[in-house]
PDB file of N, CA and C in Angstrom:
ATOM      1  N   UNK A   1     134.706  87.975 172.999  1.00  0.00           N
ATOM      2  CA  UNK A   1     135.133  86.651 173.379  1.00  0.00           C
ATOM      3  C   UNK A   1     135.536  85.834 172.136  1.00  0.00           C
ATOM      4  N   UNK A   2     134.729  85.947 171.076  1.00  0.00           N
ATOM      5  CA  UNK A   2     135.032  85.197 169.863  1.00  0.00           C
ATOM      6  C   UNK A   2     136.370  85.622 169.292  1.00  0.00           C
ATOM      7  N   UNK A   3     136.634  86.912 169.337  1.00  0.00           N
ATOM      8  CA  UNK A   3     137.909  87.418 168.806  1.00  0.00           C
ATOM      9  C   UNK A   3     139.092  86.857 169.594  1.00  0.00           C
ATOM     10  N   UNK A   4     138.922  86.761 170.879  1.00  0.00           N
ATOM     11  CA  UNK A   4     139.994  86.233 171.728  1.00  0.00           C
ATOM     12  C   UNK A   4     140.263  84.775 171.388  1.00  0.00           C
ATOM     13  N   UNK A   5     139.212  84.009 171.281  1.00  0.00           N
ATOM     14  CA  UNK A   5     139.359  82.586 170.945  1.00  0.00           C
ATOM     15  C   UNK A   5     139.943  82.453 169.540  1.00  0.00           C
ATOM     16  N   UNK A   6     139.494  83.283 168.612  1.00  0.00           N
ATOM     17  CA  UNK A   6     139.996  83.237 167.238  1.00  0.00           C
ATOM     18  C   UNK A   6     141.491  83.523 167.200  1.00  0.00           C
ATOM     19  N   UNK A   7     141.921  84.514 167.976  1.00  0.00           N
ATOM     20  CA  UNK A   7     143.344  84.878 167.980  1.00  0.00           C
ATOM     21  C   UNK A   7     144.202  83.754 168.593  1.00  0.00           C
ATOM     22  N   UNK A   8     143.652  83.084 169.606  1.00  0.00           N
ATOM     23  CA  UNK A   8     144.427  82.045 170.285  1.00  0.00           C
ATOM     24  C   UNK A   8     144.407  80.716 169.518  1.00  0.00           C
ATOM     25  N   UNK A   9     143.278  80.388 168.913  1.00  0.00           N
ATOM     26  CA  UNK A   9     143.113  79.089 168.243  1.00  0.00           C
ATOM     27  C   UNK A   9     142.338  79.254 166.932  1.00  0.00           C
ATOM     28  N   UNK A  10     142.976  79.827 165.919  1.00  0.00           N
ATOM     29  CA  UNK A  10     142.223  80.097 164.674  1.00  0.00           C
ATOM     30  C   UNK A  10     141.743  78.842 163.955  1.00  0.00           C
ATOM     31  N   UNK A  11     142.578  77.811 163.895  1.00  0.00           N
ATOM     32  CA  UNK A  11     142.179  76.579 163.191  1.00  0.00           C
ATOM     33  C   UNK A  11     141.050  75.865 163.925  1.00  0.00           C
ATOM     34  N   UNK A  12     141.168  75.760 165.207  1.00  0.00           N
ATOM     35  CA  UNK A  12     140.139  75.079 166.002  1.00  0.00           C
ATOM     36  C   UNK A  12     138.815  75.856 165.924  1.00  0.00           C
ATOM     37  N   UNK A  13     138.888  77.164 165.939  1.00  0.00           N
ATOM     38  CA  UNK A  13     137.672  77.984 165.851  1.00  0.00           C
ATOM     39  C   UNK A  13     137.032  77.845 164.479  1.00  0.00           C
ATOM     40  N   UNK A  14     137.852  77.814 163.432  1.00  0.00           N
ATOM     41  CA  UNK A  14     137.302  77.656 162.077  1.00  0.00           C
ATOM     42  C   UNK A  14     136.649  76.293 161.920  1.00  0.00           C
ATOM     43  N   UNK A  15     137.301  75.244 162.414  1.00  0.00           N
ATOM     44  CA  UNK A  15     136.738  73.890 162.320  1.00  0.00           C
ATOM     45  C   UNK A  15     135.436  73.803 163.124  1.00  0.00           C
ATOM     46  N   UNK A  16     135.421  74.357 164.326  1.00  0.00           N
ATOM     47  CA  UNK A  16     134.212  74.359 165.140  1.00  0.00           C
ATOM     48  C   UNK A  16     133.085  75.121 164.455  1.00  0.00           C
ATOM     49  N   UNK A  17     133.412  76.247 163.826  1.00  0.00           N
ATOM     50  CA  UNK A  17     132.403  77.035 163.119  1.00  0.00           C
ATOM     51  C   UNK A  17     131.817  76.260 161.944  1.00  0.00           C
ATOM     52  N   UNK A  18     132.675  75.608 161.165  1.00  0.00           N
ATOM     53  CA  UNK A  18     132.204  74.819 160.031  1.00  0.00           C
ATOM     54  C   UNK A  18     131.374  73.615 160.483  1.00  0.00           C
ATOM     55  N   UNK A  19     131.801  72.964 161.548  1.00  0.00           N
ATOM     56  CA  UNK A  19     131.034  71.822 162.071  1.00  0.00           C
ATOM     57  C   UNK A  19     129.676  72.281 162.578  1.00  0.00           C
ATOM     58  N   UNK A  20     129.640  73.422 163.242  1.00  0.00           N
ATOM     59  CA  UNK A  20     128.361  73.958 163.727  1.00  0.00           C
ATOM     60  C   UNK A  20     127.426  74.310 162.565  1.00  0.00           C
ATOM     61  N   UNK A  21     127.973  74.887 161.506  1.00  0.00           N
ATOM     62  CA  UNK A  21     127.179  75.214 160.329  1.00  0.00           C
ATOM     63  C   UNK A  21     126.640  73.952 159.677  1.00  0.00           C
ATOM     64  N   UNK A  22     127.476  72.937 159.557  1.00  0.00           N
ATOM     65  CA  UNK A  22     127.020  71.670 158.965  1.00  0.00           C
ATOM     66  C   UNK A  22     125.915  71.047 159.809  1.00  0.00           C
ATOM     67  N   UNK A  23     126.059  71.068 161.130  1.00  0.00           N
ATOM     68  CA  UNK A  23     125.035  70.518 162.010  1.00  0.00           C
ATOM     69  C   UNK A  23     123.724  71.299 161.852  1.00  0.00           C
ATOM     70  N   UNK A  24     123.813  72.607 161.738  1.00  0.00           N
ATOM     71  CA  UNK A  24     122.617  73.426 161.552  1.00  0.00           C
ATOM     72  C   UNK A  24     121.910  73.099 160.229  1.00  0.00           C
ATOM     73  N   UNK A  25     122.703  72.931 159.166  1.00  0.00           N
ATOM     74  CA  UNK A  25     122.124  72.587 157.850  1.00  0.00           C
ATOM     75  C   UNK A  25     121.401  71.246 157.920  1.00  0.00           C
ATOM     76  N   UNK A  26     122.036  70.246 158.532  1.00  0.00           N
ATOM     77  CA  UNK A  26     121.402  68.937 158.640  1.00  0.00           C
ATOM     78  C   UNK A  26     120.161  68.970 159.530  1.00  0.00           C
ATOM     79  N   UNK A  27     120.175  69.781 160.577  1.00  0.00           N
ATOM     80  CA  UNK A  27     119.006  69.902 161.456  1.00  0.00           C
ATOM     81  C   UNK A  27     117.823  70.536 160.721  1.00  0.00           C
ATOM     82  N   UNK A  28     118.110  71.566 159.948  1.00  0.00           N
ATOM     83  CA  UNK A  28     117.044  72.227 159.169  1.00  0.00           C
ATOM     84  C   UNK A  28     116.489  71.265 158.117  1.00  0.00           C
ATOM     85  N   UNK A  29     117.385  70.535 157.453  1.00  0.00           N
ATOM     86  CA  UNK A  29     116.957  69.565 156.433  1.00  0.00           C
ATOM     87  C   UNK A  29     116.088  68.481 157.061  1.00  0.00           C
ATOM     88  N   UNK A  30     116.485  67.993 158.225  1.00  0.00           N
ATOM     89  CA  UNK A  30     115.703  66.978 158.929  1.00  0.00           C
ATOM     90  C   UNK A  30     114.314  67.516 159.271  1.00  0.00           C
ATOM     91  N   UNK A  31     114.258  68.739 159.754  1.00  0.00           N
ATOM     92  CA  UNK A  31     112.976  69.336 160.116  1.00  0.00           C
ATOM     93  C   UNK A  31     112.073  69.491 158.890  1.00  0.00           C
ATOM     94  N   UNK A  32     112.637  69.939 157.787  1.00  0.00           N
ATOM     95  CA  UNK A  32     111.844  70.135 156.567  1.00  0.00           C
ATOM     96  C   UNK A  32     111.290  68.808 156.059  1.00  0.00           C
ATOM     97  N   UNK A  33     112.145  67.782 155.982  1.00  0.00           N
ATOM     98  CA  UNK A  33     111.687  66.475 155.502  1.00  0.00           C
ATOM     99  C   UNK A  33     110.676  65.860 156.450  1.00  0.00           C
ATOM    100  N   UNK A  34     110.863  66.027 157.751  1.00  0.00           N
ATOM    101  CA  UNK A  34     109.916  65.478 158.726  1.00  0.00           C
ATOM    102  C   UNK A  34     108.558  66.124 158.582  1.00  0.00           C
ATOM    103  N   UNK A  35     108.521  67.430 158.458  1.00  0.00           N
ATOM    104  CA  UNK A  35     107.252  68.132 158.294  1.00  0.00           C
ATOM    105  C   UNK A  35     106.568  67.712 156.994  1.00  0.00           C
ATOM    106  N   UNK A  36     107.344  67.580 155.907  1.00  0.00           N
ATOM    107  CA  UNK A  36     106.777  67.209 154.618  1.00  0.00           C
ATOM    108  C   UNK A  36     106.153  65.816 154.673  1.00  0.00           C
ATOM    109  N   UNK A  37     106.884  64.835 155.204  1.00  0.00           N
ATOM    110  CA  UNK A  37     106.401  63.456 155.175  1.00  0.00           C
ATOM    111  C   UNK A  37     105.372  63.165 156.259  1.00  0.00           C
ATOM    112  N   UNK A  38     105.219  64.041 157.255  1.00  0.00           N
ATOM    113  CA  UNK A  38     104.174  63.845 158.254  1.00  0.00           C
ATOM    114  C   UNK A  38     102.813  64.304 157.753  1.00  0.00           C
ATOM    115  N   UNK A  39     102.789  65.083 156.698  1.00  0.00           N
ATOM    116  CA  UNK A  39     101.541  65.560 156.130  1.00  0.00           C
ATOM    117  C   UNK A  39     100.805  64.382 155.482  1.00  0.00           C
ATOM    118  N   UNK A  40      99.564  64.109 155.909  1.00  0.00           N
ATOM    119  CA  UNK A  40      98.828  62.977 155.335  1.00  0.00           C
ATOM    120  C   UNK A  40      98.603  63.087 153.826  1.00  0.00           C
ATOM    121  N   UNK A  41      98.683  64.269 153.282  1.00  0.00           N
ATOM    122  CA  UNK A  41      98.495  64.445 151.836  1.00  0.00           C
ATOM    123  C   UNK A  41      99.636  63.802 151.033  1.00  0.00           C
ATOM    124  N   UNK A  42     100.749  63.513 151.698  1.00  0.00           N
ATOM    125  CA  UNK A  42     101.890  62.903 151.004  1.00  0.00           C
ATOM    126  C   UNK A  42     101.998  61.415 151.254  1.00  0.00           C
ATOM    127  N   UNK A  43     100.976  60.821 151.826  1.00  0.00           N
ATOM    128  CA  UNK A  43     100.974  59.392 152.123  1.00  0.00           C
ATOM    129  C   UNK A  43     100.164  58.644 151.085  1.00  0.00           C
ATOM    130  N   UNK A  44     100.733  57.577 150.561  1.00  0.00           N
ATOM    131  CA  UNK A  44     100.087  56.684 149.608  1.00  0.00           C
ATOM    132  C   UNK A  44      99.431  57.454 148.448  1.00  0.00           C
ATOM    133  N   UNK A  45     100.166  58.397 147.919  1.00  0.00           N
ATOM    134  CA  UNK A  45      99.667  59.151 146.772  1.00  0.00           C
ATOM    135  C   UNK A  45      99.745  58.288 145.513  1.00  0.00           C
ATOM    136  N   UNK A  46      98.896  58.594 144.557  1.00  0.00           N
ATOM    137  CA  UNK A  46      98.917  57.864 143.294  1.00  0.00           C
ATOM    138  C   UNK A  46     100.253  58.071 142.599  1.00  0.00           C
ATOM    139  N   UNK A  47     100.795  57.011 142.057  1.00  0.00           N
ATOM    140  CA  UNK A  47     102.098  57.075 141.392  1.00  0.00           C
ATOM    141  C   UNK A  47     101.964  57.870 140.106  1.00  0.00           C
ATOM    142  N   UNK A  48     102.931  58.734 139.845  1.00  0.00           N
ATOM    143  CA  UNK A  48     102.969  59.530 138.623  1.00  0.00           C
ATOM    144  C   UNK A  48     104.342  59.372 137.982  1.00  0.00           C
ATOM    145  N   UNK A  49     104.426  59.740 136.724  1.00  0.00           N
ATOM    146  CA  UNK A  49     105.638  59.537 135.967  1.00  0.00           C
ATOM    147  C   UNK A  49     106.853  60.310 136.479  1.00  0.00           C
ATOM    148  N   UNK A  50     106.664  61.437 137.130  1.00  0.00           N
ATOM    149  CA  UNK A  50     107.779  62.238 137.595  1.00  0.00           C
ATOM    150  C   UNK A  50     108.407  61.697 138.858  1.00  0.00           C
ATOM    151  N   UNK A  51     107.736  60.782 139.536  1.00  0.00           N
ATOM    152  CA  UNK A  51     108.228  60.279 140.811  1.00  0.00           C
ATOM    153  C   UNK A  51     109.429  59.352 140.630  1.00  0.00           C
ATOM    154  N   UNK A  52     110.275  59.331 141.650  1.00  0.00           N
ATOM    155  CA  UNK A  52     111.410  58.403 141.680  1.00  0.00           C
ATOM    156  C   UNK A  52     111.013  57.211 142.545  1.00  0.00           C
ATOM    157  N   UNK A  53     111.716  56.094 142.412  1.00  0.00           N
ATOM    158  CA  UNK A  53     111.421  54.953 143.296  1.00  0.00           C
ATOM    159  C   UNK A  53     111.552  55.302 144.770  1.00  0.00           C
ATOM    160  N   UNK A  54     112.494  56.140 145.109  1.00  0.00           N
ATOM    161  CA  UNK A  54     112.650  56.566 146.498  1.00  0.00           C
ATOM    162  C   UNK A  54     111.453  57.348 147.006  1.00  0.00           C
ATOM    163  N   UNK A  55     110.913  58.229 146.171  1.00  0.00           N
ATOM    164  CA  UNK A  55     109.729  59.005 146.560  1.00  0.00           C
ATOM    165  C   UNK A  55     108.536  58.068 146.768  1.00  0.00           C
ATOM    166  N   UNK A  56     108.374  57.116 145.864  1.00  0.00           N
ATOM    167  CA  UNK A  56     107.264  56.152 145.991  1.00  0.00           C
ATOM    168  C   UNK A  56     107.422  55.362 147.274  1.00  0.00           C
ATOM    169  N   UNK A  57     108.651  54.934 147.563  1.00  0.00           N
ATOM    170  CA  UNK A  57     108.900  54.151 148.782  1.00  0.00           C
ATOM    171  C   UNK A  57     108.575  54.961 150.039  1.00  0.00           C
ATOM    172  N   UNK A  58     108.952  56.230 150.061  1.00  0.00           N
ATOM    173  CA  UNK A  58     108.658  57.070 151.216  1.00  0.00           C
ATOM    174  C   UNK A  58     107.160  57.315 151.347  1.00  0.00           C
ATOM    175  N   UNK A  59     106.506  57.572 150.233  1.00  0.00           N
ATOM    176  CA  UNK A  59     105.074  57.862 150.263  1.00  0.00           C
ATOM    177  C   UNK A  59     104.267  56.662 150.732  1.00  0.00           C
ATOM    178  N   UNK A  60     104.629  55.487 150.281  1.00  0.00           N
ATOM    179  CA  UNK A  60     103.886  54.278 150.605  1.00  0.00           C
ATOM    180  C   UNK A  60     104.427  53.567 151.838  1.00  0.00           C
ATOM    181  N   UNK A  61     105.473  54.088 152.430  1.00  0.00           N
ATOM    182  CA  UNK A  61     106.096  53.523 153.622  1.00  0.00           C
ATOM    183  C   UNK A  61     106.479  52.057 153.397  1.00  0.00           C
ATOM    184  N   UNK A  62     107.130  51.828 152.289  1.00  0.00           N
ATOM    185  CA  UNK A  62     107.633  50.513 151.925  1.00  0.00           C
ATOM    186  C   UNK A  62     109.136  50.678 151.702  1.00  0.00           C
ATOM    187  N   UNK A  63     109.948  49.745 152.170  1.00  0.00           N
ATOM    188  CA  UNK A  63     111.399  49.884 151.992  1.00  0.00           C
ATOM    189  C   UNK A  63     111.786  50.087 150.525  1.00  0.00           C
ATOM    190  N   UNK A  64     112.740  50.956 150.297  1.00  0.00           N
ATOM    191  CA  UNK A  64     113.156  51.275 148.928  1.00  0.00           C
ATOM    192  C   UNK A  64     113.617  50.045 148.156  1.00  0.00           C
ATOM    193  N   UNK A  65     114.372  49.121 148.760  1.00  0.00           N
ATOM    194  CA  UNK A  65     114.755  47.935 147.983  1.00  0.00           C
ATOM    195  C   UNK A  65     113.552  47.110 147.475  1.00  0.00           C
ATOM    196  N   UNK A  66     112.476  47.107 148.227  1.00  0.00           N
ATOM    197  CA  UNK A  66     111.266  46.384 147.803  1.00  0.00           C
ATOM    198  C   UNK A  66     110.657  47.067 146.582  1.00  0.00           C
ATOM    199  N   UNK A  67     110.593  48.387 146.610  1.00  0.00           N
ATOM    200  CA  UNK A  67     110.059  49.146 145.464  1.00  0.00           C
ATOM    201  C   UNK A  67     110.961  48.963 144.245  1.00  0.00           C
ATOM    202  N   UNK A  68     112.267  48.978 144.475  1.00  0.00           N
ATOM    203  CA  UNK A  68     113.202  48.760 143.367  1.00  0.00           C
ATOM    204  C   UNK A  68     112.989  47.381 142.758  1.00  0.00           C
ATOM    205  N   UNK A  69     112.747  46.399 143.601  1.00  0.00           N
ATOM    206  CA  UNK A  69     112.492  45.044 143.101  1.00  0.00           C
ATOM    207  C   UNK A  69     111.196  45.009 142.307  1.00  0.00           C
ATOM    208  N   UNK A  70     110.167  45.709 142.764  1.00  0.00           N
ATOM    209  CA  UNK A  70     108.893  45.774 142.060  1.00  0.00           C
ATOM    210  C   UNK A  70     109.077  46.344 140.644  1.00  0.00           C
ATOM    211  N   UNK A  71     110.001  47.258 140.525  1.00  0.00           N
ATOM    212  CA  UNK A  71     110.265  47.903 139.234  1.00  0.00           C
ATOM    213  C   UNK A  71     111.252  47.126 138.376  1.00  0.00           C
ATOM    214  N   UNK A  72     111.752  46.031 138.909  1.00  0.00           N
ATOM    215  CA  UNK A  72     112.691  45.212 138.163  1.00  0.00           C
ATOM    216  C   UNK A  72     114.098  45.764 138.136  1.00  0.00           C
ATOM    217  N   UNK A  73     114.434  46.567 139.123  1.00  0.00           N
ATOM    218  CA  UNK A  73     115.783  47.131 139.219  1.00  0.00           C
ATOM    219  C   UNK A  73     116.566  46.326 140.250  1.00  0.00           C
ATOM    220  N   UNK A  74     117.681  45.748 139.813  1.00  0.00           N
ATOM    221  CA  UNK A  74     118.478  44.916 140.702  1.00  0.00           C
ATOM    222  C   UNK A  74     119.305  45.728 141.668  1.00  0.00           C
ATOM    223  N   UNK A  75     119.848  46.795 141.203  1.00  0.00           N
ATOM    224  CA  UNK A  75     120.727  47.593 142.043  1.00  0.00           C
ATOM    225  C   UNK A  75     120.315  49.049 141.975  1.00  0.00           C
ATOM    226  N   UNK A  76     120.904  49.823 142.851  1.00  0.00           N
ATOM    227  CA  UNK A  76     120.571  51.243 142.928  1.00  0.00           C
ATOM    228  C   UNK A  76     121.017  51.959 141.654  1.00  0.00           C
ATOM    229  N   UNK A  77     120.102  52.698 141.010  1.00  0.00           N
ATOM    230  CA  UNK A  77     120.503  53.424 139.802  1.00  0.00           C
ATOM    231  C   UNK A  77     121.522  54.507 140.140  1.00  0.00           C
ATOM    232  N   UNK A  78     122.375  54.816 139.191  1.00  0.00           N
ATOM    233  CA  UNK A  78     123.412  55.808 139.433  1.00  0.00           C
ATOM    234  C   UNK A  78     122.827  57.206 139.616  1.00  0.00           C
ATOM    235  N   UNK A  79     121.703  57.463 139.008  1.00  0.00           N
ATOM    236  CA  UNK A  79     121.079  58.775 139.125  1.00  0.00           C
ATOM    237  C   UNK A  79     119.643  58.586 139.582  1.00  0.00           C
ATOM    238  N   UNK A  80     118.995  59.644 139.961  1.00  0.00           N
ATOM    239  CA  UNK A  80     117.627  59.581 140.412  1.00  0.00           C
ATOM    240  C   UNK A  80     116.720  59.407 139.192  1.00  0.00           C
ATOM    241  N   UNK A  81     116.399  58.176 138.909  1.00  0.00           N
ATOM    242  CA  UNK A  81     115.630  57.840 137.717  1.00  0.00           C
ATOM    243  C   UNK A  81     114.137  57.991 138.030  1.00  0.00           C
ATOM    244  N   UNK A  82     113.392  58.516 137.090  1.00  0.00           N
ATOM    245  CA  UNK A  82     111.956  58.710 137.262  1.00  0.00           C
ATOM    246  C   UNK A  82     111.205  57.536 136.663  1.00  0.00           C
ATOM    247  N   UNK A  83     109.961  57.366 137.099  1.00  0.00           N
ATOM    248  CA  UNK A  83     109.121  56.254 136.619  1.00  0.00           C
ATOM    249  C   UNK A  83     108.961  56.341 135.095  1.00  0.00           C
ATOM    250  N   UNK A  84     108.768  57.554 134.561  1.00  0.00           N
ATOM    251  CA  UNK A  84     108.587  57.684 133.107  1.00  0.00           C
ATOM    252  C   UNK A  84     109.826  57.243 132.355  1.00  0.00           C
ATOM    253  N   UNK A  85     111.024  57.495 132.935  1.00  0.00           N
ATOM    254  CA  UNK A  85     112.255  57.067 132.292  1.00  0.00           C
ATOM    255  C   UNK A  85     112.409  55.547 132.329  1.00  0.00           C
ATOM    256  N   UNK A  86     111.980  54.942 133.434  1.00  0.00           N
ATOM    257  CA  UNK A  86     112.022  53.478 133.532  1.00  0.00           C
ATOM    258  C   UNK A  86     111.099  52.840 132.493  1.00  0.00           C
ATOM    259  N   UNK A  87     109.918  53.428 132.317  1.00  0.00           N
ATOM    260  CA  UNK A  87     108.965  52.911 131.315  1.00  0.00           C
ATOM    261  C   UNK A  87     109.578  53.009 129.915  1.00  0.00           C
ATOM    262  N   UNK A  88     110.235  54.122 129.650  1.00  0.00           N
ATOM    263  CA  UNK A  88     110.868  54.291 128.335  1.00  0.00           C
ATOM    264  C   UNK A  88     111.984  53.280 128.128  1.00  0.00           C
ATOM    265  N   UNK A  89     112.760  53.016 129.177  1.00  0.00           N
ATOM    266  CA  UNK A  89     113.832  52.026 129.093  1.00  0.00           C
ATOM    267  C   UNK A  89     113.284  50.622 128.825  1.00  0.00           C
ATOM    268  N   UNK A  90     112.130  50.331 129.432  1.00  0.00           N
ATOM    269  CA  UNK A  90     111.520  49.008 129.243  1.00  0.00           C
ATOM    270  C   UNK A  90     110.712  48.925 127.964  1.00  0.00           C
ATOM    271  N   UNK A  91     110.434  50.065 127.350  1.00  0.00           N
ATOM    272  CA  UNK A  91     109.669  50.086 126.114  1.00  0.00           C
ATOM    273  C   UNK A  91     108.183  49.851 126.308  1.00  0.00           C
ATOM    274  N   UNK A  92     107.654  50.261 127.457  1.00  0.00           N
ATOM    275  CA  UNK A  92     106.221  50.110 127.725  1.00  0.00           C
ATOM    276  C   UNK A  92     105.645  51.479 128.045  1.00  0.00           C
ATOM    277  N   UNK A  93     104.330  51.638 127.900  1.00  0.00           N
ATOM    278  CA  UNK A  93     103.716  52.928 128.260  1.00  0.00           C
ATOM    279  C   UNK A  93     103.832  53.219 129.747  1.00  0.00           C
ATOM    280  N   UNK A  94     103.941  54.482 130.076  1.00  0.00           N
ATOM    281  CA  UNK A  94     104.067  54.893 131.467  1.00  0.00           C
ATOM    282  C   UNK A  94     102.853  54.417 132.283  1.00  0.00           C
ATOM    283  N   UNK A  95     101.670  54.524 131.705  1.00  0.00           N
ATOM    284  CA  UNK A  95     100.462  54.109 132.416  1.00  0.00           C
ATOM    285  C   UNK A  95     100.497  52.627 132.769  1.00  0.00           C
ATOM    286  N   UNK A  96     101.061  51.830 131.901  1.00  0.00           N
ATOM    287  CA  UNK A  96     101.156  50.389 132.178  1.00  0.00           C
ATOM    288  C   UNK A  96     102.099  50.111 133.346  1.00  0.00           C
ATOM    289  N   UNK A  97     103.256  50.773 133.351  1.00  0.00           N
ATOM    290  CA  UNK A  97     104.200  50.590 134.445  1.00  0.00           C
ATOM    291  C   UNK A  97     103.620  51.089 135.757  1.00  0.00           C
ATOM    292  N   UNK A  98     102.933  52.217 135.706  1.00  0.00           N
ATOM    293  CA  UNK A  98     102.303  52.762 136.905  1.00  0.00           C
ATOM    294  C   UNK A  98     101.241  51.815 137.445  1.00  0.00           C
ATOM    295  N   UNK A  99     100.431  51.251 136.549  1.00  0.00           N
ATOM    296  CA  UNK A  99      99.390  50.312 136.982  1.00  0.00           C
ATOM    297  C   UNK A  99     100.005  49.069 137.635  1.00  0.00           C
ATOM    298  N   UNK A 100     101.082  48.548 137.036  1.00  0.00           N
ATOM    299  CA  UNK A 100     101.762  47.382 137.620  1.00  0.00           C
ATOM    300  C   UNK A 100     102.339  47.721 138.994  1.00  0.00           C
ATOM    301  N   UNK A 101     102.972  48.879 139.092  1.00  0.00           N
ATOM    302  CA  UNK A 101     103.580  49.294 140.346  1.00  0.00           C
ATOM    303  C   UNK A 101     102.529  49.522 141.427  1.00  0.00           C
ATOM    304  N   UNK A 102     101.427  50.195 141.080  1.00  0.00           N
ATOM    305  CA  UNK A 102     100.370  50.436 142.077  1.00  0.00           C
ATOM    306  C   UNK A 102      99.740  49.129 142.546  1.00  0.00           C
ATOM    307  N   UNK A 103      99.572  48.161 141.654  1.00  0.00           N
ATOM    308  CA  UNK A 103      99.042  46.861 142.055  1.00  0.00           C
ATOM    309  C   UNK A 103     100.002  46.164 143.006  1.00  0.00           C
ATOM    310  N   UNK A 104     101.290  46.228 142.709  1.00  0.00           N
ATOM    311  CA  UNK A 104     102.290  45.611 143.584  1.00  0.00           C
ATOM    312  C   UNK A 104     102.358  46.325 144.933  1.00  0.00           C
ATOM    313  N   UNK A 105     102.236  47.657 144.929  1.00  0.00           N
ATOM    314  CA  UNK A 105     102.239  48.420 146.179  1.00  0.00           C
ATOM    315  C   UNK A 105     101.031  48.057 147.045  1.00  0.00           C
ATOM    316  N   UNK A 106      99.856  47.966 146.419  1.00  0.00           N
ATOM    317  CA  UNK A 106      98.645  47.612 147.155  1.00  0.00           C
ATOM    318  C   UNK A 106      98.763  46.203 147.736  1.00  0.00           C
ATOM    319  N   UNK A 107      99.325  45.284 146.975  1.00  0.00           N
ATOM    320  CA  UNK A 107      99.503  43.909 147.460  1.00  0.00           C
ATOM    321  C   UNK A 107     100.490  43.869 148.638  1.00  0.00           C
ATOM    322  N   UNK A 108     101.541  44.637 148.531  1.00  0.00           N
ATOM    323  CA  UNK A 108     102.544  44.695 149.604  1.00  0.00           C
ATOM    324  C   UNK A 108     101.943  45.289 150.867  1.00  0.00           C
ATOM    325  N   UNK A 109     101.156  46.352 150.706  1.00  0.00           N
ATOM    326  CA  UNK A 109     100.482  46.967 151.855  1.00  0.00           C
ATOM    327  C   UNK A 109      99.508  46.009 152.496  1.00  0.00           C
ATOM    328  N   UNK A 110      98.738  45.277 151.669  1.00  0.00           N
ATOM    329  CA  UNK A 110      97.763  44.329 152.203  1.00  0.00           C
ATOM    330  C   UNK A 110      98.467  43.191 152.947  1.00  0.00           C
ATOM    331  N   UNK A 111      99.591  42.749 152.421  1.00  0.00           N
ATOM    332  CA  UNK A 111     100.338  41.661 153.070  1.00  0.00           C
ATOM    333  C   UNK A 111     100.975  42.143 154.376  1.00  0.00           C
ATOM    334  N   UNK A 112     101.321  43.420 154.436  1.00  0.00           N
ATOM    335  CA  UNK A 112     101.966  43.958 155.633  1.00  0.00           C
ATOM    336  C   UNK A 112     101.013  44.318 156.744  1.00  0.00           C
ATOM    337  N   UNK A 113      99.743  44.422 156.466  1.00  0.00           N
ATOM    338  CA  UNK A 113      98.779  44.858 157.503  1.00  0.00           C
ATOM    339  C   UNK A 113      98.169  43.698 158.213  1.00  0.00           C
TER     340      UNK A 113
END
């Protein structure tokens, strides 16, 4: 049957095949991320230098723009910047930036509950 459809409509079959593959990739990605973030071990974890603002936002269930504001970032960074890189840019120790961020996260969580 596929051969018949391919012979009659090769472009439409190719486009449908590519669209189906893309949908499958996105479905698998959605499933993987959902399983990862549903695990309680990934909720409100202690901030570490390797984390990105987006990871912190997902872990603490706080909107990413709020976390970006906590870190003093006005706009979205062009690349996935890590906490340790932000500390280096600001010229402060990583532990100091992490302590400030965790205090702000705890305050935001307390205000939201």
